[in-house]
Amino acid sequence: MARLAPQGMHEVDDEIRHLCEEAERQSGTSASSRTYARNPSVVKALAAFRAALAREGTIDPVLRELVRLKIAALNGCRY
């Protein structure tokens, strides 16, 4: 099955780079954002969605981080 590799941070335009850097700050990686960067409108929509969740989410931030860690462990991801 074909897979898309993430673009390098130097390959994305400035606006998308900012969104990728923010994703990296929040989650520890920007690989998915840099993969989606092949379609900038998708990256922008996902960034808006994440921002809305962060702003309006009702889950305690500590619990949210524990969930992220568990999901990463279950998927064998370094986090």
Protein backbone atom coordinates (compact mmCIF):
# COMPACT_ATOMS: atom_id res chain seq x y z
CA MET A 1 0.00 0.00 0.00
CA ALA A 2 1.34 3.44 -0.91
CA ARG A 3 2.04 5.79 1.95
CA LEU A 4 2.66 9.52 2.01
CA ALA A 5 5.75 10.65 3.83
CA PRO A 6 5.61 13.83 5.89
CA GLN A 7 7.11 16.82 4.17
CA GLY A 8 10.21 18.34 5.70
CA MET A 9 9.60 21.44 7.79
CA HIS A 10 11.58 23.39 5.15
CA GLU A 11 9.20 22.17 2.42
CA VAL A 12 5.99 23.68 3.80
CA ASP A 13 5.09 27.34 3.32
CA ASP A 14 5.35 29.81 6.20
CA GLU A 15 1.69 29.76 7.26
CA ILE A 16 1.55 25.96 7.29
CA ARG A 17 4.94 25.80 9.01
CA HIS A 18 3.49 27.84 11.87
CA LEU A 19 0.60 25.37 12.19
CA CYS A 20 3.02 22.42 12.10
CA GLU A 21 5.18 24.01 14.79
CA GLU A 22 2.10 24.54 16.96
CA ALA A 23 1.09 20.89 16.46
CA GLU A 24 4.63 19.88 17.48
CA ARG A 25 4.41 22.03 20.61
CA GLN A 26 1.07 20.50 21.57
CA SER A 27 1.66 16.86 20.76
CA GLY A 28 5.39 16.32 20.47
CA THR A 29 5.31 15.65 16.72
CA SER A 30 4.22 17.44 13.61
CA ALA A 31 4.51 14.41 11.32
CA SER A 32 0.77 14.16 10.69
CA SER A 33 0.45 17.91 10.11
CA ARG A 34 3.41 17.83 7.73
CA THR A 35 1.79 14.94 5.87
CA TYR A 36 -1.51 16.80 5.64
CA ALA A 37 0.47 19.88 4.50
CA ARG A 38 0.28 18.46 1.00
CA ASN A 39 -3.23 19.94 1.13
CA PRO A 40 -3.02 23.24 3.07
CA SER A 41 -6.80 23.59 3.47
CA VAL A 42 -6.84 20.28 5.40
CA VAL A 43 -4.08 21.47 7.76
CA LYS A 44 -5.95 24.72 8.39
CA ALA A 45 -9.22 22.90 9.08
CA LEU A 46 -7.54 20.46 11.47
CA ALA A 47 -5.79 23.31 13.28
CA ALA A 48 -9.11 25.10 13.74
CA PHE A 49 -10.69 21.89 14.99
CA ARG A 50 -7.87 21.30 17.51
CA ALA A 51 -8.11 24.90 18.69
CA ALA A 52 -11.85 24.56 19.25
CA LEU A 53 -11.34 21.37 21.23
CA ALA A 54 -8.66 22.99 23.36
CA ARG A 55 -10.80 26.06 23.97
CA GLU A 56 -14.13 24.40 24.56
CA GLY A 57 -13.18 20.92 25.72
CA THR A 58 -14.50 19.80 29.08
CA ILE A 59 -11.94 17.10 29.84
CA ASP A 60 -9.43 17.95 32.54
CA PRO A 61 -6.03 18.67 30.90
CA VAL A 62 -4.27 16.07 33.07
CA LEU A 63 -6.74 13.39 32.06
CA ARG A 64 -6.44 14.44 28.41
CA GLU A 65 -2.66 13.99 28.58
CA LEU A 66 -3.03 10.57 30.20
CA VAL A 67 -5.37 9.54 27.38
CA ARG A 68 -2.82 10.72 24.80
CA LEU A 69 -0.10 8.69 26.51
CA LYS A 70 -2.26 5.57 26.64
CA ILE A 71 -3.25 5.87 22.99
CA ALA A 72 0.39 6.31 21.99
CA ALA A 73 1.40 3.25 24.03
CA LEU A 74 -1.40 1.13 22.54
CA ASN A 75 -0.30 2.12 19.04
CA GLY A 76 3.38 1.61 19.72
CA CYS A 77 4.11 5.29 19.11
CA ARG A 78 6.88 7.27 20.70
CA TYR A 79 5.30 10.25 22.37
